[in-house]
Amino acid sequence: QVQLVESGGGLVQAGGSLRLSCVASMRTFSNYAMGWFRQAPGKEREFVAAISWSGGMIRYGDSVKGRFTISRDNAKNTVSLQMDSLKPEDTATYYCAAGDWVAFLDSDYDRCDYWGQGTQVTVSS
């Protein structure tokens, strides 16, 4: 059974940084595009960032461009999200997902093949 396990969430002041990590259990990790979505209470799930299987293509949601950086290490089955200049509106549960690159291009969480349980990020003002 494939598992995606996120870590690195927490409480941070506005302007601060956090680094999220997601470790995947599948042996074919390098075949999957990986990405992050987030969901705040009472809001729709929002696309945050995605990276192709090779790392050659990267895409960010408009609200995080220039502040967040996604990366992956295929040797460690890990995808990371470096979040800088955090804002209170970044407060949400962040979910790691694995799937086809097209699903991330379409910002379609439901078309991803696997996803994690989520990690909470809270940014105080």
PDB file of N, CA and C in Angstrom:
ATOM      1  N   GLN A   1       0.846  -1.194   0.000  1.00  0.00           N
ATOM      2  CA  GLN A   1       0.000   0.000   0.000  1.00  0.00           C
ATOM      3  C   GLN A   1       0.884   1.246   0.000  1.00  0.00           C
ATOM      4  N   VAL A   2       0.616   2.139  -0.931  1.00  0.00           N
ATOM      5  CA  VAL A   2       1.423   3.347  -1.043  1.00  0.00           C
ATOM      6  C   VAL A   2       1.040   4.336   0.048  1.00  0.00           C
ATOM      7  N   GLN A   3       2.043   4.916   0.653  1.00  0.00           N
ATOM      8  CA  GLN A   3       1.806   5.962   1.647  1.00  0.00           C
ATOM      9  C   GLN A   3       2.630   7.184   1.330  1.00  0.00           C
ATOM     10  N   LEU A   4       2.019   8.336   1.540  1.00  0.00           N
ATOM     11  CA  LEU A   4       2.721   9.612   1.485  1.00  0.00           C
ATOM     12  C   LEU A   4       2.620  10.209   2.875  1.00  0.00           C
ATOM     13  N   VAL A   5       3.770  10.520   3.476  1.00  0.00           N
ATOM     14  CA  VAL A   5       3.782  11.023   4.847  1.00  0.00           C
ATOM     15  C   VAL A   5       4.429  12.395   4.882  1.00  0.00           C
ATOM     16  N   GLU A   6       3.611  13.386   5.247  1.00  0.00           N
ATOM     17  CA  GLU A   6       4.102  14.764   5.320  1.00  0.00           C
ATOM     18  C   GLU A   6       4.653  15.065   6.715  1.00  0.00           C
ATOM     19  N   SER A   7       5.572  16.007   6.755  1.00  0.00           N
ATOM     20  CA  SER A   7       6.107  16.491   8.025  1.00  0.00           C
ATOM     21  C   SER A   7       6.587  17.924   7.838  1.00  0.00           C
ATOM     22  N   GLY A   8       6.849  18.592   8.963  1.00  0.00           N
ATOM     23  CA  GLY A   8       7.420  19.926   8.907  1.00  0.00           C
ATOM     24  C   GLY A   8       6.461  21.063   9.178  1.00  0.00           C
ATOM     25  N   GLY A   9       5.185  20.752   9.327  1.00  0.00           N
ATOM     26  CA  GLY A   9       4.233  21.803   9.631  1.00  0.00           C
ATOM     27  C   GLY A   9       4.431  22.345  11.036  1.00  0.00           C
ATOM     28  N   GLY A  10       3.743  23.441  11.333  1.00  0.00           N
ATOM     29  CA  GLY A  10       3.850  24.020  12.661  1.00  0.00           C
ATOM     30  C   GLY A  10       3.327  25.435  12.696  1.00  0.00           C
ATOM     31  N   LEU A  11       3.667  26.122  13.777  1.00  0.00           N
ATOM     32  CA  LEU A  11       3.244  27.512  13.999  1.00  0.00           C
ATOM     33  C   LEU A  11       4.435  28.427  13.763  1.00  0.00           C
ATOM     34  N   VAL A  12       4.218  29.465  12.972  1.00  0.00           N
ATOM     35  CA  VAL A  12       5.296  30.407  12.659  1.00  0.00           C
ATOM     36  C   VAL A  12       4.701  31.803  12.561  1.00  0.00           C
ATOM     37  N   GLN A  13       5.514  32.801  12.849  1.00  0.00           N
ATOM     38  CA  GLN A  13       5.054  34.180  12.721  1.00  0.00           C
ATOM     39  C   GLN A  13       5.104  34.620  11.271  1.00  0.00           C
ATOM     40  N   ALA A  14       4.280  35.592  10.949  1.00  0.00           N
ATOM     41  CA  ALA A  14       4.286  36.149   9.602  1.00  0.00           C
ATOM     42  C   ALA A  14       5.691  36.622   9.241  1.00  0.00           C
ATOM     43  N   GLY A  15       6.096  36.340   8.007  1.00  0.00           N
ATOM     44  CA  GLY A  15       7.437  36.671   7.565  1.00  0.00           C
ATOM     45  C   GLY A  15       8.442  35.553   7.762  1.00  0.00           C
ATOM     46  N   GLY A  16       8.053  34.541   8.512  1.00  0.00           N
ATOM     47  CA  GLY A  16       8.947  33.431   8.797  1.00  0.00           C
ATOM     48  C   GLY A  16       8.940  32.372   7.710  1.00  0.00           C
ATOM     49  N   SER A  17       9.637  31.278   7.988  1.00  0.00           N
ATOM     50  CA  SER A  17       9.790  30.201   7.010  1.00  0.00           C
ATOM     51  C   SER A  17       9.486  28.857   7.648  1.00  0.00           C
ATOM     52  N   LEU A  18       9.049  27.939   6.806  1.00  0.00           N
ATOM     53  CA  LEU A  18       8.896  26.538   7.178  1.00  0.00           C
ATOM     54  C   LEU A  18       9.296  25.701   5.965  1.00  0.00           C
ATOM     55  N   ARG A  19       9.721  24.477   6.248  1.00  0.00           N
ATOM     56  CA  ARG A  19      10.038  23.544   5.172  1.00  0.00           C
ATOM     57  C   ARG A  19       9.234  22.266   5.389  1.00  0.00           C
ATOM     58  N   LEU A  20       8.365  21.966   4.440  1.00  0.00           N
ATOM     59  CA  LEU A  20       7.579  20.743   4.487  1.00  0.00           C
ATOM     60  C   LEU A  20       8.283  19.649   3.693  1.00  0.00           C
ATOM     61  N   SER A  21       8.157  18.428   4.185  1.00  0.00           N
ATOM     62  CA  SER A  21       8.695  17.281   3.465  1.00  0.00           C
ATOM     63  C   SER A  21       7.625  16.214   3.328  1.00  0.00           C
ATOM     64  N   CYS A  22       7.736  15.429   2.277  1.00  0.00           N
ATOM     65  CA  CYS A  22       6.812  14.328   2.040  1.00  0.00           C
ATOM     66  C   CYS A  22       7.638  13.133   1.581  1.00  0.00           C
ATOM     67  N   VAL A  23       7.536  12.049   2.329  1.00  0.00           N
ATOM     68  CA  VAL A  23       8.235  10.821   1.966  1.00  0.00           C
ATOM     69  C   VAL A  23       7.220   9.832   1.423  1.00  0.00           C
ATOM     70  N   ALA A  24       7.521   9.279   0.251  1.00  0.00           N
ATOM     71  CA  ALA A  24       6.612   8.348  -0.413  1.00  0.00           C
ATOM     72  C   ALA A  24       7.150   6.929  -0.336  1.00  0.00           C
ATOM     73  N   SER A  25       6.237   5.972  -0.212  1.00  0.00           N
ATOM     74  CA  SER A  25       6.670   4.589  -0.045  1.00  0.00           C
ATOM     75  C   SER A  25       6.748   3.805  -1.348  1.00  0.00           C
ATOM     76  N   MET A  26       6.225   4.357  -2.444  1.00  0.00           N
ATOM     77  CA  MET A  26       6.218   3.558  -3.671  1.00  0.00           C
ATOM     78  C   MET A  26       7.619   3.414  -4.254  1.00  0.00           C
ATOM     79  N   ARG A  27       7.893   2.257  -4.826  1.00  0.00           N
ATOM     80  CA  ARG A  27       9.210   1.995  -5.415  1.00  0.00           C
ATOM     81  C   ARG A  27       9.409   2.739  -6.733  1.00  0.00           C
ATOM     82  N   THR A  28       8.283   3.144  -7.359  1.00  0.00           N
ATOM     83  CA  THR A  28       8.364   3.831  -8.648  1.00  0.00           C
ATOM     84  C   THR A  28       8.203   5.333  -8.473  1.00  0.00           C
ATOM     85  N   PHE A  29       8.689   5.860  -7.363  1.00  0.00           N
ATOM     86  CA  PHE A  29       8.537   7.294  -7.048  1.00  0.00           C
ATOM     87  C   PHE A  29       8.951   8.176  -8.213  1.00  0.00           C
ATOM     88  N   SER A  30      10.042   7.838  -8.879  1.00  0.00           N
ATOM     89  CA  SER A  30      10.568   8.697  -9.943  1.00  0.00           C
ATOM     90  C   SER A  30       9.672   8.704 -11.169  1.00  0.00           C
ATOM     91  N   ASN A  31       8.639   7.849 -11.206  1.00  0.00           N
ATOM     92  CA  ASN A  31       7.699   7.862 -12.326  1.00  0.00           C
ATOM     93  C   ASN A  31       6.587   8.884 -12.141  1.00  0.00           C
ATOM     94  N   TYR A  32       6.465   9.448 -10.952  1.00  0.00           N
ATOM     95  CA  TYR A  32       5.343  10.305 -10.624  1.00  0.00           C
ATOM     96  C   TYR A  32       5.736  11.774 -10.548  1.00  0.00           C
ATOM     97  N   ALA A  33       4.845  12.608 -11.056  1.00  0.00           N
ATOM     98  CA  ALA A  33       4.909  14.022 -10.690  1.00  0.00           C
ATOM     99  C   ALA A  33       4.431  14.133  -9.244  1.00  0.00           C
ATOM    100  N   MET A  34       4.969  15.093  -8.529  1.00  0.00           N
ATOM    101  CA  MET A  34       4.614  15.289  -7.129  1.00  0.00           C
ATOM    102  C   MET A  34       4.181  16.728  -6.916  1.00  0.00           C
ATOM    103  N   GLY A  35       3.332  16.938  -5.941  1.00  0.00           N
ATOM    104  CA  GLY A  35       2.890  18.298  -5.705  1.00  0.00           C
ATOM    105  C   GLY A  35       2.282  18.494  -4.335  1.00  0.00           C
ATOM    106  N   TRP A  36       1.893  19.729  -4.101  1.00  0.00           N
ATOM    107  CA  TRP A  36       1.278  20.117  -2.832  1.00  0.00           C
ATOM    108  C   TRP A  36      -0.013  20.888  -3.108  1.00  0.00           C
ATOM    109  N   PHE A  37      -1.018  20.573  -2.314  1.00  0.00           N
ATOM    110  CA  PHE A  37      -2.256  21.329  -2.271  1.00  0.00           C
ATOM    111  C   PHE A  37      -2.446  21.781  -0.831  1.00  0.00           C
ATOM    112  N   ARG A  38      -3.334  22.732  -0.624  1.00  0.00           N
ATOM    113  CA  ARG A  38      -3.649  23.151   0.741  1.00  0.00           C
ATOM    114  C   ARG A  38      -5.132  23.461   0.855  1.00  0.00           C
ATOM    115  N   GLN A  39      -5.617  23.372   2.087  1.00  0.00           N
ATOM    116  CA  GLN A  39      -7.018  23.684   2.324  1.00  0.00           C
ATOM    117  C   GLN A  39      -7.163  24.363   3.675  1.00  0.00           C
ATOM    118  N   ALA A  40      -7.727  25.542   3.640  1.00  0.00           N
ATOM    119  CA  ALA A  40      -8.021  26.287   4.864  1.00  0.00           C
ATOM    120  C   ALA A  40      -9.467  26.012   5.263  1.00  0.00           C
ATOM    121  N   PRO A  41      -9.791  26.162   6.542  1.00  0.00           N
ATOM    122  CA  PRO A  41     -11.167  25.909   6.996  1.00  0.00           C
ATOM    123  C   PRO A  41     -12.181  26.740   6.215  1.00  0.00           C
ATOM    124  N   GLY A  42     -13.205  26.092   5.712  1.00  0.00           N
ATOM    125  CA  GLY A  42     -14.265  26.787   5.006  1.00  0.00           C
ATOM    126  C   GLY A  42     -13.920  27.188   3.585  1.00  0.00           C
ATOM    127  N   LYS A  43     -12.752  26.755   3.115  1.00  0.00           N
ATOM    128  CA  LYS A  43     -12.334  27.127   1.755  1.00  0.00           C
ATOM    129  C   LYS A  43     -12.115  25.897   0.891  1.00  0.00           C
ATOM    130  N   GLU A  44     -12.091  26.135  -0.422  1.00  0.00           N
ATOM    131  CA  GLU A  44     -11.814  25.054  -1.370  1.00  0.00           C
ATOM    132  C   GLU A  44     -10.343  24.649  -1.286  1.00  0.00           C
ATOM    133  N   ARG A  45     -10.075  23.401  -1.672  1.00  0.00           N
ATOM    134  CA  ARG A  45      -8.686  22.965  -1.747  1.00  0.00           C
ATOM    135  C   ARG A  45      -7.993  23.730  -2.879  1.00  0.00           C
ATOM    136  N   GLU A  46      -6.775  24.167  -2.611  1.00  0.00           N
ATOM    137  CA  GLU A  46      -6.054  25.059  -3.524  1.00  0.00           C
ATOM    138  C   GLU A  46      -4.736  24.432  -3.954  1.00  0.00           C
ATOM    139  N   PHE A  47      -4.426  24.536  -5.224  1.00  0.00           N
ATOM    140  CA  PHE A  47      -3.145  24.066  -5.740  1.00  0.00           C
ATOM    141  C   PHE A  47      -2.029  24.992  -5.255  1.00  0.00           C
ATOM    142  N   VAL A  48      -0.921  24.400  -4.816  1.00  0.00           N
ATOM    143  CA  VAL A  48       0.207  25.183  -4.317  1.00  0.00           C
ATOM    144  C   VAL A  48       1.411  25.078  -5.247  1.00  0.00           C
ATOM    145  N   ALA A  49       1.871  23.868  -5.511  1.00  0.00           N
ATOM    146  CA  ALA A  49       3.077  23.695  -6.335  1.00  0.00           C
ATOM    147  C   ALA A  49       3.158  22.258  -6.809  1.00  0.00           C
ATOM    148  N   ALA A  50       3.866  22.060  -7.926  1.00  0.00           N
ATOM    149  CA  ALA A  50       4.079  20.712  -8.453  1.00  0.00           C
ATOM    150  C   ALA A  50       5.406  20.651  -9.182  1.00  0.00           C
ATOM    151  N   ILE A  51       5.952  19.439  -9.231  1.00  0.00           N
ATOM    152  CA  ILE A  51       7.228  19.213  -9.896  1.00  0.00           C
ATOM    153  C   ILE A  51       7.136  17.909 -10.678  1.00  0.00           C
ATOM    154  N   SER A  52       7.642  17.906 -11.892  1.00  0.00           N
ATOM    155  CA  SER A  52       7.566  16.719 -12.738  1.00  0.00           C
ATOM    156  C   SER A  52       8.504  15.629 -12.228  1.00  0.00           C
ATOM    157  N   TRP A  53       8.415  14.439 -12.827  1.00  0.00           N
ATOM    158  CA  TRP A  53       9.183  13.297 -12.335  1.00  0.00           C
ATOM    159  C   TRP A  53      10.677  13.565 -12.340  1.00  0.00           C
ATOM    160  N   SER A  54      11.149  14.322 -13.325  1.00  0.00           N
ATOM    161  CA  SER A  54      12.585  14.593 -13.433  1.00  0.00           C
ATOM    162  C   SER A  54      12.992  15.879 -12.736  1.00  0.00           C
ATOM    163  N   GLY A  55      11.997  16.667 -12.346  1.00  0.00           N
ATOM    164  CA  GLY A  55      12.311  17.983 -11.803  1.00  0.00           C
ATOM    165  C   GLY A  55      12.460  19.048 -12.874  1.00  0.00           C
ATOM    166  N   GLY A  56      12.299  18.661 -14.130  1.00  0.00           N
ATOM    167  CA  GLY A  56      12.508  19.602 -15.214  1.00  0.00           C
ATOM    168  C   GLY A  56      11.373  20.595 -15.413  1.00  0.00           C
ATOM    169  N   MET A  57      10.203  20.261 -14.905  1.00  0.00           N
ATOM    170  CA  MET A  57       9.051  21.176 -14.995  1.00  0.00           C
ATOM    171  C   MET A  57       8.521  21.439 -13.593  1.00  0.00           C
ATOM    172  N   ILE A  58       8.273  22.697 -13.318  1.00  0.00           N
ATOM    173  CA  ILE A  58       7.771  23.127 -12.028  1.00  0.00           C
ATOM    174  C   ILE A  58       6.654  24.147 -12.253  1.00  0.00           C
ATOM    175  N   ARG A  59       5.659  24.071 -11.408  1.00  0.00           N
ATOM    176  CA  ARG A  59       4.532  24.992 -11.515  1.00  0.00           C
ATOM    177  C   ARG A  59       4.115  25.418 -10.105  1.00  0.00           C
ATOM    178  N   TYR A  60       3.739  26.691  -9.985  1.00  0.00           N
ATOM    179  CA  TYR A  60       3.298  27.231  -8.699  1.00  0.00           C
ATOM    180  C   TYR A  60       1.923  27.877  -8.838  1.00  0.00           C
ATOM    181  N   GLY A  61       1.182  27.844  -7.753  1.00  0.00           N
ATOM    182  CA  GLY A  61      -0.048  28.607  -7.700  1.00  0.00           C
ATOM    183  C   GLY A  61       0.276  30.097  -7.612  1.00  0.00           C
ATOM    184  N   ASP A  62      -0.616  30.912  -8.105  1.00  0.00           N
ATOM    185  CA  ASP A  62      -0.351  32.355  -8.169  1.00  0.00           C
ATOM    186  C   ASP A  62      -0.090  32.957  -6.795  1.00  0.00           C
ATOM    187  N   SER A  63      -0.753  32.440  -5.782  1.00  0.00           N
ATOM    188  CA  SER A  63      -0.647  33.048  -4.456  1.00  0.00           C
ATOM    189  C   SER A  63       0.687  32.750  -3.764  1.00  0.00           C
ATOM    190  N   VAL A  64       1.474  31.817  -4.281  1.00  0.00           N
ATOM    191  CA  VAL A  64       2.727  31.468  -3.610  1.00  0.00           C
ATOM    192  C   VAL A  64       3.960  31.721  -4.477  1.00  0.00           C
ATOM    193  N   LYS A  65       3.756  32.145  -5.704  1.00  0.00           N
ATOM    194  CA  LYS A  65       4.898  32.398  -6.600  1.00  0.00           C
ATOM    195  C   LYS A  65       5.864  33.393  -5.986  1.00  0.00           C
ATOM    196  N   GLY A  66       7.148  33.059  -6.072  1.00  0.00           N
ATOM    197  CA  GLY A  66       8.180  33.939  -5.550  1.00  0.00           C
ATOM    198  C   GLY A  66       8.451  33.763  -4.066  1.00  0.00           C
ATOM    199  N   ARG A  67       7.614  32.976  -3.382  1.00  0.00           N
ATOM    200  CA  ARG A  67       7.800  32.770  -1.946  1.00  0.00           C
ATOM    201  C   ARG A  67       8.055  31.297  -1.599  1.00  0.00           C
ATOM    202  N   PHE A  68       7.477  30.393  -2.372  1.00  0.00           N
ATOM    203  CA  PHE A  68       7.609  28.960  -2.108  1.00  0.00           C
ATOM    204  C   PHE A  68       8.489  28.329  -3.180  1.00  0.00           C
ATOM    205  N   THR A  69       9.223  27.282  -2.775  1.00  0.00           N
ATOM    206  CA  THR A  69      10.074  26.546  -3.716  1.00  0.00           C
ATOM    207  C   THR A  69       9.873  25.050  -3.508  1.00  0.00           C
ATOM    208  N   ILE A  70       9.535  24.360  -4.581  1.00  0.00           N
ATOM    209  CA  ILE A  70       9.357  22.916  -4.517  1.00  0.00           C
ATOM    210  C   ILE A  70      10.602  22.234  -5.071  1.00  0.00           C
ATOM    211  N   SER A  71      10.956  21.098  -4.484  1.00  0.00           N
ATOM    212  CA  SER A  71      12.096  20.326  -4.969  1.00  0.00           C
ATOM    213  C   SER A  71      11.840  18.853  -4.670  1.00  0.00           C
ATOM    214  N   ARG A  72      12.628  17.985  -5.293  1.00  0.00           N
ATOM    215  CA  ARG A  72      12.473  16.567  -5.049  1.00  0.00           C
ATOM    216  C   ARG A  72      13.821  15.876  -5.077  1.00  0.00           C
ATOM    217  N   ASP A  73      13.897  14.758  -4.368  1.00  0.00           N
ATOM    218  CA  ASP A  73      15.089  13.922  -4.348  1.00  0.00           C
ATOM    219  C   ASP A  73      14.624  12.497  -4.639  1.00  0.00           C
ATOM    220  N   ASN A  74      14.774  12.054  -5.868  1.00  0.00           N
ATOM    221  CA  ASN A  74      14.271  10.735  -6.253  1.00  0.00           C
ATOM    222  C   ASN A  74      15.016   9.599  -5.550  1.00  0.00           C
ATOM    223  N   ALA A  75      16.242   9.836  -5.155  1.00  0.00           N
ATOM    224  CA  ALA A  75      17.005   8.803  -4.443  1.00  0.00           C
ATOM    225  C   ALA A  75      16.445   8.565  -3.045  1.00  0.00           C
ATOM    226  N   LYS A  76      15.765   9.579  -2.497  1.00  0.00           N
ATOM    227  CA  LYS A  76      15.211   9.474  -1.139  1.00  0.00           C
ATOM    228  C   LYS A  76      13.682   9.426  -1.132  1.00  0.00           C
ATOM    229  N   ASN A  77      13.083   9.343  -2.330  1.00  0.00           N
ATOM    230  CA  ASN A  77      11.611   9.317  -2.423  1.00  0.00           C
ATOM    231  C   ASN A  77      10.970  10.475  -1.665  1.00  0.00           C
ATOM    232  N   THR A  78      11.549  11.646  -1.832  1.00  0.00           N
ATOM    233  CA  THR A  78      11.110  12.792  -1.044  1.00  0.00           C
ATOM    234  C   THR A  78      10.832  13.999  -1.925  1.00  0.00           C
ATOM    235  N   VAL A  79       9.774  14.709  -1.597  1.00  0.00           N
ATOM    236  CA  VAL A  79       9.492  16.008  -2.201  1.00  0.00           C
ATOM    237  C   VAL A  79       9.381  17.010  -1.061  1.00  0.00           C
ATOM    238  N   SER A  80       9.927  18.197  -1.281  1.00  0.00           N
ATOM    239  CA  SER A  80       9.959  19.219  -0.237  1.00  0.00           C
ATOM    240  C   SER A  80       9.328  20.512  -0.732  1.00  0.00           C
ATOM    241  N   LEU A  81       8.858  21.291   0.217  1.00  0.00           N
ATOM    242  CA  LEU A  81       8.290  22.598  -0.099  1.00  0.00           C
ATOM    243  C   LEU A  81       8.881  23.603   0.879  1.00  0.00           C
ATOM    244  N   GLN A  82       9.767  24.452   0.385  1.00  0.00           N
ATOM    245  CA  GLN A  82      10.347  25.517   1.192  1.00  0.00           C
ATOM    246  C   GLN A  82       9.424  26.720   1.111  1.00  0.00           C
ATOM    247  N   MET A  83       8.936  27.165   2.268  1.00  0.00           N
ATOM    248  CA  MET A  83       7.968  28.259   2.313  1.00  0.00           C
ATOM    249  C   MET A  83       8.600  29.438   3.045  1.00  0.00           C
ATOM    250  N   ASP A  84       8.827  30.503   2.330  1.00  0.00           N
ATOM    251  CA  ASP A  84       9.422  31.717   2.892  1.00  0.00           C
ATOM    252  C   ASP A  84       8.405  32.865   2.854  1.00  0.00           C
ATOM    253  N   SER A  85       8.711  33.903   3.606  1.00  0.00           N
ATOM    254  CA  SER A  85       7.842  35.089   3.644  1.00  0.00           C
ATOM    255  C   SER A  85       6.391  34.691   3.882  1.00  0.00           C
ATOM    256  N   LEU A  86       6.179  33.852   4.857  1.00  0.00           N
ATOM    257  CA  LEU A  86       4.832  33.336   5.110  1.00  0.00           C
ATOM    258  C   LEU A  86       3.885  34.433   5.565  1.00  0.00           C
ATOM    259  N   LYS A  87       2.633  34.265   5.163  1.00  0.00           N
ATOM    260  CA  LYS A  87       1.577  35.221   5.481  1.00  0.00           C
ATOM    261  C   LYS A  87       0.466  34.505   6.241  1.00  0.00           C
ATOM    262  N   PRO A  88      -0.316  35.222   7.013  1.00  0.00           N
ATOM    263  CA  PRO A  88      -1.434  34.576   7.718  1.00  0.00           C
ATOM    264  C   PRO A  88      -2.361  33.825   6.766  1.00  0.00           C
ATOM    265  N   GLU A  89      -2.519  34.306   5.561  1.00  0.00           N
ATOM    266  CA  GLU A  89      -3.394  33.634   4.597  1.00  0.00           C
ATOM    267  C   GLU A  89      -2.815  32.325   4.066  1.00  0.00           C
ATOM    268  N   ASP A  90      -1.575  32.004   4.426  1.00  0.00           N
ATOM    269  CA  ASP A  90      -0.999  30.704   4.083  1.00  0.00           C
ATOM    270  C   ASP A  90      -1.426  29.630   5.081  1.00  0.00           C
ATOM    271  N   THR A  91      -2.098  30.025   6.138  1.00  0.00           N
ATOM    272  CA  THR A  91      -2.565  29.062   7.138  1.00  0.00           C
ATOM    273  C   THR A  91      -3.530  28.067   6.510  1.00  0.00           C
ATOM    274  N   ALA A  92      -3.185  26.788   6.635  1.00  0.00           N
ATOM    275  CA  ALA A  92      -3.994  25.733   6.012  1.00  0.00           C
ATOM    276  C   ALA A  92      -3.405  24.378   6.373  1.00  0.00           C
ATOM    277  N   THR A  93      -4.142  23.338   6.015  1.00  0.00           N
ATOM    278  CA  THR A  93      -3.573  21.998   6.027  1.00  0.00           C
ATOM    279  C   THR A  93      -2.970  21.746   4.655  1.00  0.00           C
ATOM    280  N   TYR A  94      -1.730  21.323   4.627  1.00  0.00           N
ATOM    281  CA  TYR A  94      -1.006  21.096   3.389  1.00  0.00           C
ATOM    282  C   TYR A  94      -0.933  19.602   3.099  1.00  0.00           C
ATOM    283  N   TYR A  95      -1.305  19.238   1.865  1.00  0.00           N
ATOM    284  CA  TYR A  95      -1.350  17.848   1.453  1.00  0.00           C
ATOM    285  C   TYR A  95      -0.359  17.584   0.332  1.00  0.00           C
ATOM    286  N   CYS A  96       0.384  16.523   0.470  1.00  0.00           N
ATOM    287  CA  CYS A  96       1.279  16.048  -0.580  1.00  0.00           C
ATOM    288  C   CYS A  96       0.494  15.116  -1.495  1.00  0.00           C
ATOM    289  N   ALA A  97       0.765  15.152  -2.786  1.00  0.00           N
ATOM    290  CA  ALA A  97       0.069  14.299  -3.731  1.00  0.00           C
ATOM    291  C   ALA A  97       1.027  13.792  -4.802  1.00  0.00           C
ATOM    292  N   ALA A  98       0.700  12.634  -5.348  1.00  0.00           N
ATOM    293  CA  ALA A  98       1.472  12.033  -6.436  1.00  0.00           C
ATOM    294  C   ALA A  98       0.525  11.685  -7.571  1.00  0.00           C
ATOM    295  N   GLY A  99       0.964  11.936  -8.786  1.00  0.00           N
ATOM    296  CA  GLY A  99       0.104  11.623  -9.916  1.00  0.00           C
ATOM    297  C   GLY A  99       0.736  11.977 -11.229  1.00  0.00           C
ATOM    298  N   ASP A 100      -0.115  12.057 -12.240  1.00  0.00           N
ATOM    299  CA  ASP A 100       0.348  12.439 -13.568  1.00  0.00           C
ATOM    300  C   ASP A 100       0.518  13.957 -13.637  1.00  0.00           C
ATOM    301  N   TRP A 101       1.487  14.392 -14.399  1.00  0.00           N
ATOM    302  CA  TRP A 101       1.767  15.833 -14.496  1.00  0.00           C
ATOM    303  C   TRP A 101       0.536  16.622 -14.964  1.00  0.00           C
ATOM    304  N   VAL A 102      -0.268  16.026 -15.822  1.00  0.00           N
ATOM    305  CA  VAL A 102      -1.456  16.710 -16.345  1.00  0.00           C
ATOM    306  C   VAL A 102      -2.428  17.045 -15.206  1.00  0.00           C
ATOM    307  N   ALA A 103      -2.529  16.166 -14.225  1.00  0.00           N
ATOM    308  CA  ALA A 103      -3.423  16.446 -13.087  1.00  0.00           C
ATOM    309  C   ALA A 103      -2.990  17.709 -12.372  1.00  0.00           C
ATOM    310  N   PHE A 104      -1.688  17.911 -12.237  1.00  0.00           N
ATOM    311  CA  PHE A 104      -1.192  19.117 -11.569  1.00  0.00           C
ATOM    312  C   PHE A 104      -1.318  20.341 -12.468  1.00  0.00           C
ATOM    313  N   LEU A 105      -1.154  20.148 -13.778  1.00  0.00           N
ATOM    314  CA  LEU A 105      -1.365  21.266 -14.697  1.00  0.00           C
ATOM    315  C   LEU A 105      -2.796  21.775 -14.599  1.00  0.00           C
ATOM    316  N   ASP A 106      -3.714  20.858 -14.395  1.00  0.00           N
ATOM    317  CA  ASP A 106      -5.127  21.213 -14.273  1.00  0.00           C
ATOM    318  C   ASP A 106      -5.516  21.527 -12.835  1.00  0.00           C
ATOM    319  N   SER A 107      -4.529  21.506 -11.922  1.00  0.00           N
ATOM    320  CA  SER A 107      -4.785  21.783 -10.494  1.00  0.00           C
ATOM    321  C   SER A 107      -5.904  20.900  -9.957  1.00  0.00           C
ATOM    322  N   ASP A 108      -5.924  19.654 -10.405  1.00  0.00           N
ATOM    323  CA  ASP A 108      -7.020  18.749 -10.097  1.00  0.00           C
ATOM    324  C   ASP A 108      -6.566  17.716  -9.065  1.00  0.00           C
ATOM    325  N   TYR A 109      -6.805  18.009  -7.812  1.00  0.00           N
ATOM    326  CA  TYR A 109      -6.405  17.123  -6.729  1.00  0.00           C
ATOM    327  C   TYR A 109      -7.058  15.750  -6.879  1.00  0.00           C
ATOM    328  N   ASP A 110      -8.307  15.710  -7.287  1.00  0.00           N
ATOM    329  CA  ASP A 110      -9.037  14.444  -7.354  1.00  0.00           C
ATOM    330  C   ASP A 110      -8.472  13.486  -8.398  1.00  0.00           C
ATOM    331  N   ARG A 111      -7.710  13.994  -9.341  1.00  0.00           N
ATOM    332  CA  ARG A 111      -7.132  13.131 -10.373  1.00  0.00           C
ATOM    333  C   ARG A 111      -5.741  12.615  -9.994  1.00  0.00           C
ATOM    334  N   CYS A 112      -5.260  13.024  -8.832  1.00  0.00           N
ATOM    335  CA  CYS A 112      -3.980  12.491  -8.368  1.00  0.00           C
ATOM    336  C   CYS A 112      -4.171  11.048  -7.905  1.00  0.00           C
ATOM    337  N   ASP A 113      -3.109  10.278  -7.984  1.00  0.00           N
ATOM    338  CA  ASP A 113      -3.208   8.859  -7.641  1.00  0.00           C
ATOM    339  C   ASP A 113      -3.099   8.603  -6.147  1.00  0.00           C
ATOM    340  N   TYR A 114      -2.265   9.372  -5.489  1.00  0.00           N
ATOM    341  CA  TYR A 114      -2.038   9.174  -4.060  1.00  0.00           C
ATOM    342  C   TYR A 114      -1.922  10.527  -3.366  1.00  0.00           C
ATOM    343  N   TRP A 115      -2.258  10.535  -2.099  1.00  0.00           N
ATOM    344  CA  TRP A 115      -2.106  11.756  -1.308  1.00  0.00           C
ATOM    345  C   TRP A 115      -1.887  11.416   0.152  1.00  0.00           C
ATOM    346  N   GLY A 116      -1.311  12.357   0.860  1.00  0.00           N
ATOM    347  CA  GLY A 116      -1.018  12.132   2.269  1.00  0.00           C
ATOM    348  C   GLY A 116      -2.145  12.602   3.173  1.00  0.00           C
ATOM    349  N   GLN A 117      -1.908  12.486   4.460  1.00  0.00           N
ATOM    350  CA  GLN A 117      -2.912  12.841   5.460  1.00  0.00           C
ATOM    351  C   GLN A 117      -2.923  14.332   5.778  1.00  0.00           C
ATOM    352  N   GLY A 118      -1.878  15.015   5.393  1.00  0.00           N
ATOM    353  CA  GLY A 118      -1.837  16.452   5.614  1.00  0.00           C
ATOM    354  C   GLY A 118      -1.016  16.859   6.820  1.00  0.00           C
ATOM    355  N   THR A 119      -0.471  18.060   6.756  1.00  0.00           N
ATOM    356  CA  THR A 119       0.252  18.646   7.881  1.00  0.00           C
ATOM    357  C   THR A 119      -0.206  20.095   8.034  1.00  0.00           C
ATOM    358  N   GLN A 120      -0.426  20.507   9.273  1.00  0.00           N
ATOM    359  CA  GLN A 120      -1.002  21.823   9.538  1.00  0.00           C
ATOM    360  C   GLN A 120       0.079  22.888   9.563  1.00  0.00           C
ATOM    361  N   VAL A 121      -0.188  23.980   8.867  1.00  0.00           N
ATOM    362  CA  VAL A 121       0.673  25.160   8.896  1.00  0.00           C
ATOM    363  C   VAL A 121      -0.168  26.326   9.406  1.00  0.00           C
ATOM    364  N   THR A 122       0.306  26.969  10.458  1.00  0.00           N
ATOM    365  CA  THR A 122      -0.394  28.108  11.016  1.00  0.00           C
ATOM    366  C   THR A 122       0.562  29.289  11.071  1.00  0.00           C
ATOM    367  N   VAL A 123       0.152  30.391  10.447  1.00  0.00           N
ATOM    368  CA  VAL A 123       0.969  31.591  10.405  1.00  0.00           C
ATOM    369  C   VAL A 123       0.260  32.675  11.203  1.00  0.00           C
ATOM    370  N   SER A 124       0.899  33.141  12.249  1.00  0.00           N
ATOM    371  CA  SER A 124       0.298  34.170  13.106  1.00  0.00           C
ATOM    372  C   SER A 124       0.718  35.556  12.642  1.00  0.00           C
ATOM    373  N   SER A 125      -0.167  36.505  12.849  1.00  0.00           N
ATOM    374  CA  SER A 125       0.109  37.886  12.399  1.00  0.00           C
ATOM    375  C   SER A 125       0.812  38.677  13.485  1.00  0.00           C
TER     376      SER A 125
END
